[in-house]
Amino acid sequence: MKLNYGTLIFFAVAVLVFVANALTFPMTVPRIIGLSIVVPSLLLFVLARIQLGRSFSVEAKATRLVTSGLYSRIRNPIYFFGALVITGAIVWTGRPWGLLIFLVLIPLQIFRVRKEEKVLLEKFGTAYLDYKRKTWF
């Protein structure tokens, strides 16, 4: 698996900037809850991206069917943990109206998942259907 160092560096810097800024604010209950959602979700997001390796692309492509690691349980861990990072950040800021972002994000992700599933089904056929039956989202 080839590690995309650019992606890893980007997320490492994002985590450092977020944590550095987060620590300048008083630690209230919503901020503690938000951080407890953001930090593990972001780590799992990065892990999912690393496990996807060269199969990652912005466009729906099917180079290989990744079925190990986080992908052995969740078909779309990047989307799932990305949504949790956003949720945690919204809780951390204490601005529940920020959840309105999901009015755009959820339909967009459903569209992308369906497009990716079509490409994967065309390329891998029954192997993809078997994998889909064994995993969530």
C-alpha atoms as a PDB file:
ATOM      1  CA  MET A   1       0.000   0.000   0.000  1.00  0.00           C
ATOM      2  CA  LYS A   2       1.455   3.361  -1.016  1.00  0.00           C
ATOM      3  CA  LEU A   3       1.010   6.052   1.602  1.00  0.00           C
ATOM      4  CA  ASN A   4       0.017   9.438   0.258  1.00  0.00           C
ATOM      5  CA  TYR A   5       2.303  11.670   2.309  1.00  0.00           C
ATOM      6  CA  GLY A   6       0.602  14.860   1.114  1.00  0.00           C
ATOM      7  CA  THR A   7      -2.709  13.723   2.576  1.00  0.00           C
ATOM      8  CA  LEU A   8      -1.057  12.633   5.814  1.00  0.00           C
ATOM      9  CA  ILE A   9       0.801  15.939   6.202  1.00  0.00           C
ATOM     10  CA  PHE A  10      -2.372  17.920   5.448  1.00  0.00           C
ATOM     11  CA  PHE A  11      -4.340  16.116   8.152  1.00  0.00           C
ATOM     12  CA  ALA A  12      -1.489  16.246  10.664  1.00  0.00           C
ATOM     13  CA  VAL A  13      -1.278  20.030  10.210  1.00  0.00           C
ATOM     14  CA  ALA A  14      -5.082  20.332  10.412  1.00  0.00           C
ATOM     15  CA  VAL A  15      -5.114  18.391  13.698  1.00  0.00           C
ATOM     16  CA  LEU A  16      -2.300  20.493  15.155  1.00  0.00           C
ATOM     17  CA  VAL A  17      -3.979  23.777  14.158  1.00  0.00           C
ATOM     18  CA  PHE A  18      -7.349  22.617  15.493  1.00  0.00           C
ATOM     19  CA  VAL A  19      -5.926  21.382  18.808  1.00  0.00           C
ATOM     20  CA  ALA A  20      -3.770  24.507  19.250  1.00  0.00           C
ATOM     21  CA  ASN A  21      -6.838  26.714  18.719  1.00  0.00           C
ATOM     22  CA  ALA A  22      -9.133  24.455  20.730  1.00  0.00           C
ATOM     23  CA  LEU A  23      -6.887  24.685  23.771  1.00  0.00           C
ATOM     24  CA  THR A  24      -7.088  28.492  23.817  1.00  0.00           C
ATOM     25  CA  PHE A  25     -10.799  28.318  24.668  1.00  0.00           C
ATOM     26  CA  PRO A  26     -12.225  27.388  28.080  1.00  0.00           C
ATOM     27  CA  MET A  27     -13.010  23.682  28.330  1.00  0.00           C
ATOM     28  CA  THR A  28     -16.785  23.562  28.629  1.00  0.00           C
ATOM     29  CA  VAL A  29     -18.862  20.372  28.487  1.00  0.00           C
ATOM     30  CA  PRO A  30     -19.805  20.894  24.787  1.00  0.00           C
ATOM     31  CA  ARG A  31     -16.156  21.510  23.886  1.00  0.00           C
ATOM     32  CA  ILE A  32     -15.009  18.382  25.719  1.00  0.00           C
ATOM     33  CA  ILE A  33     -17.740  16.329  24.007  1.00  0.00           C
ATOM     34  CA  GLY A  34     -16.889  17.889  20.633  1.00  0.00           C
ATOM     35  CA  LEU A  35     -13.185  17.120  21.037  1.00  0.00           C
ATOM     36  CA  SER A  36     -13.982  13.579  22.155  1.00  0.00           C
ATOM     37  CA  ILE A  37     -15.854  13.126  18.870  1.00  0.00           C
ATOM     38  CA  VAL A  38     -13.442  15.016  16.582  1.00  0.00           C
ATOM     39  CA  VAL A  39     -10.133  13.496  17.671  1.00  0.00           C
ATOM     40  CA  PRO A  40     -10.930   9.755  17.323  1.00  0.00           C
ATOM     41  CA  SER A  41     -13.060  10.395  14.231  1.00  0.00           C
ATOM     42  CA  LEU A  42     -10.264  12.320  12.552  1.00  0.00           C
ATOM     43  CA  LEU A  43      -7.756   9.591  13.403  1.00  0.00           C
ATOM     44  CA  LEU A  44     -10.091   6.933  11.967  1.00  0.00           C
ATOM     45  CA  PHE A  45     -10.687   9.134   8.901  1.00  0.00           C
ATOM     46  CA  VAL A  46      -6.937   9.325   8.296  1.00  0.00           C
ATOM     47  CA  LEU A  47      -6.558   5.580   8.916  1.00  0.00           C
ATOM     48  CA  ALA A  48      -9.306   4.862   6.374  1.00  0.00           C
ATOM     49  CA  ARG A  49      -7.574   7.112   3.844  1.00  0.00           C
ATOM     50  CA  ILE A  50      -4.253   5.340   4.434  1.00  0.00           C
ATOM     51  CA  GLN A  51      -5.884   1.902   4.142  1.00  0.00           C
ATOM     52  CA  LEU A  52      -7.480   2.930   0.859  1.00  0.00           C
ATOM     53  CA  GLY A  53      -4.006   3.691  -0.508  1.00  0.00           C
ATOM     54  CA  ARG A  54      -3.786   4.020  -4.281  1.00  0.00           C
ATOM     55  CA  SER A  55      -7.469   3.165  -4.619  1.00  0.00           C
ATOM     56  CA  PHE A  56      -8.325   6.675  -3.420  1.00  0.00           C
ATOM     57  CA  SER A  57      -9.548   9.029  -6.120  1.00  0.00           C
ATOM     58  CA  VAL A  58     -11.799  12.024  -6.361  1.00  0.00           C
ATOM     59  CA  GLU A  59     -13.687  10.453  -9.257  1.00  0.00           C
ATOM     60  CA  ALA A  60     -15.387   7.081  -8.916  1.00  0.00           C
ATOM     61  CA  LYS A  61     -12.831   4.550 -10.185  1.00  0.00           C
ATOM     62  CA  ALA A  62     -12.341   0.883  -9.456  1.00  0.00           C
ATOM     63  CA  THR A  63      -8.695  -0.127  -9.293  1.00  0.00           C
ATOM     64  CA  ARG A  64      -9.029  -2.725  -6.542  1.00  0.00           C
ATOM     65  CA  LEU A  65     -11.648  -3.736  -3.993  1.00  0.00           C
ATOM     66  CA  VAL A  66     -10.401  -2.759  -0.530  1.00  0.00           C
ATOM     67  CA  THR A  67     -11.968  -5.127   2.023  1.00  0.00           C
ATOM     68  CA  SER A  68      -9.514  -5.106   4.915  1.00  0.00           C
ATOM     69  CA  GLY A  69      -9.036  -2.898   7.955  1.00  0.00           C
ATOM     70  CA  LEU A  70     -11.870  -0.447   8.521  1.00  0.00           C
ATOM     71  CA  TYR A  71     -13.226  -1.422   5.116  1.00  0.00           C
ATOM     72  CA  SER A  72     -13.946  -4.920   6.414  1.00  0.00           C
ATOM     73  CA  ARG A  73     -16.810  -3.459   8.473  1.00  0.00           C
ATOM     74  CA  ILE A  74     -17.749  -0.154   6.798  1.00  0.00           C
ATOM     75  CA  ARG A  75     -17.863   0.331   3.013  1.00  0.00           C
ATOM     76  CA  ASN A  76     -17.434   4.113   3.244  1.00  0.00           C
ATOM     77  CA  PRO A  77     -15.438   4.927   6.377  1.00  0.00           C
ATOM     78  CA  ILE A  78     -14.073   8.162   4.908  1.00  0.00           C
ATOM     79  CA  TYR A  79     -17.593   9.536   4.467  1.00  0.00           C
ATOM     80  CA  PHE A  80     -18.748   8.193   7.828  1.00  0.00           C
ATOM     81  CA  PHE A  81     -15.839   9.482   9.908  1.00  0.00           C
ATOM     82  CA  GLY A  82     -15.759  12.743   7.950  1.00  0.00           C
ATOM     83  CA  ALA A  83     -19.378  13.335   8.974  1.00  0.00           C
ATOM     84  CA  LEU A  84     -18.454  12.567  12.592  1.00  0.00           C
ATOM     85  CA  VAL A  85     -15.578  15.075  12.443  1.00  0.00           C
ATOM     86  CA  ILE A  86     -18.012  17.735  11.228  1.00  0.00           C
ATOM     87  CA  THR A  87     -20.527  16.770  13.930  1.00  0.00           C
ATOM     88  CA  GLY A  88     -17.867  16.971  16.639  1.00  0.00           C
ATOM     89  CA  ALA A  89     -16.699  20.356  15.374  1.00  0.00           C
ATOM     90  CA  ILE A  90     -20.278  21.644  15.441  1.00  0.00           C
ATOM     91  CA  VAL A  91     -20.732  20.388  19.012  1.00  0.00           C
ATOM     92  CA  TRP A  92     -17.370  21.923  19.963  1.00  0.00           C
ATOM     93  CA  THR A  93     -18.394  25.329  18.598  1.00  0.00           C
ATOM     94  CA  GLY A  94     -21.758  25.172  20.368  1.00  0.00           C
ATOM     95  CA  ARG A  95     -23.558  26.198  17.185  1.00  0.00           C
ATOM     96  CA  PRO A  96     -26.267  23.585  16.546  1.00  0.00           C
ATOM     97  CA  TRP A  97     -27.444  25.458  13.451  1.00  0.00           C
ATOM     98  CA  GLY A  98     -24.220  24.176  11.888  1.00  0.00           C
ATOM     99  CA  LEU A  99     -25.965  20.830  11.549  1.00  0.00           C
ATOM    100  CA  LEU A 100     -27.697  22.396   8.544  1.00  0.00           C
ATOM    101  CA  ILE A 101     -24.541  21.496   6.601  1.00  0.00           C
ATOM    102  CA  PHE A 102     -25.893  17.943   6.587  1.00  0.00           C
ATOM    103  CA  LEU A 103     -28.820  19.113   4.437  1.00  0.00           C
ATOM    104  CA  VAL A 104     -26.233  19.460   1.671  1.00  0.00           C
ATOM    105  CA  LEU A 105     -23.704  16.834   2.763  1.00  0.00           C
ATOM    106  CA  ILE A 106     -26.002  13.819   3.143  1.00  0.00           C
ATOM    107  CA  PRO A 107     -27.620  14.023  -0.327  1.00  0.00           C
ATOM    108  CA  LEU A 108     -24.183  14.673  -1.844  1.00  0.00           C
ATOM    109  CA  GLN A 109     -22.690  11.640  -0.088  1.00  0.00           C
ATOM    110  CA  ILE A 110     -25.632   9.430  -1.093  1.00  0.00           C
ATOM    111  CA  PHE A 111     -25.120  10.504  -4.705  1.00  0.00           C
ATOM    112  CA  ARG A 112     -21.380   9.762  -4.506  1.00  0.00           C
ATOM    113  CA  VAL A 113     -21.898   6.391  -2.801  1.00  0.00           C
ATOM    114  CA  ARG A 114     -24.384   5.294  -5.459  1.00  0.00           C
ATOM    115  CA  LYS A 115     -22.025   6.347  -8.237  1.00  0.00           C
ATOM    116  CA  GLU A 116     -19.108   4.502  -6.611  1.00  0.00           C
ATOM    117  CA  GLU A 117     -21.238   1.399  -6.016  1.00  0.00           C
ATOM    118  CA  LYS A 118     -22.203   1.312  -9.682  1.00  0.00           C
ATOM    119  CA  VAL A 119     -18.547   1.491 -10.757  1.00  0.00           C
ATOM    120  CA  LEU A 120     -17.498  -1.156  -8.224  1.00  0.00           C
ATOM    121  CA  LEU A 121     -20.341  -3.473  -9.229  1.00  0.00           C
ATOM    122  CA  GLU A 122     -19.412  -3.180 -12.900  1.00  0.00           C
ATOM    123  CA  LYS A 123     -15.754  -3.954 -12.171  1.00  0.00           C
ATOM    124  CA  PHE A 124     -16.022  -6.606  -9.423  1.00  0.00           C
ATOM    125  CA  GLY A 125     -19.534  -8.068  -9.865  1.00  0.00           C
ATOM    126  CA  THR A 126     -20.455 -10.755  -7.334  1.00  0.00           C
ATOM    127  CA  ALA A 127     -17.304 -10.123  -5.270  1.00  0.00           C
ATOM    128  CA  TYR A 128     -18.588  -6.610  -4.608  1.00  0.00           C
ATOM    129  CA  LEU A 129     -22.110  -7.853  -3.839  1.00  0.00           C
ATOM    130  CA  ASP A 130     -20.680 -10.352  -1.307  1.00  0.00           C
ATOM    131  CA  TYR A 131     -18.596  -7.598   0.261  1.00  0.00           C
ATOM    132  CA  LYS A 132     -21.614  -5.267   0.359  1.00  0.00           C
ATOM    133  CA  ARG A 133     -23.705  -7.873   2.205  1.00  0.00           C
ATOM    134  CA  LYS A 134     -21.027  -8.224   4.895  1.00  0.00           C
ATOM    135  CA  THR A 135     -20.537  -4.520   5.572  1.00  0.00           C
ATOM    136  CA  TRP A 136     -22.454  -1.470   6.731  1.00  0.00           C
ATOM    137  CA  PHE A 137     -22.900   1.808   4.789  1.00  0.00           C
END
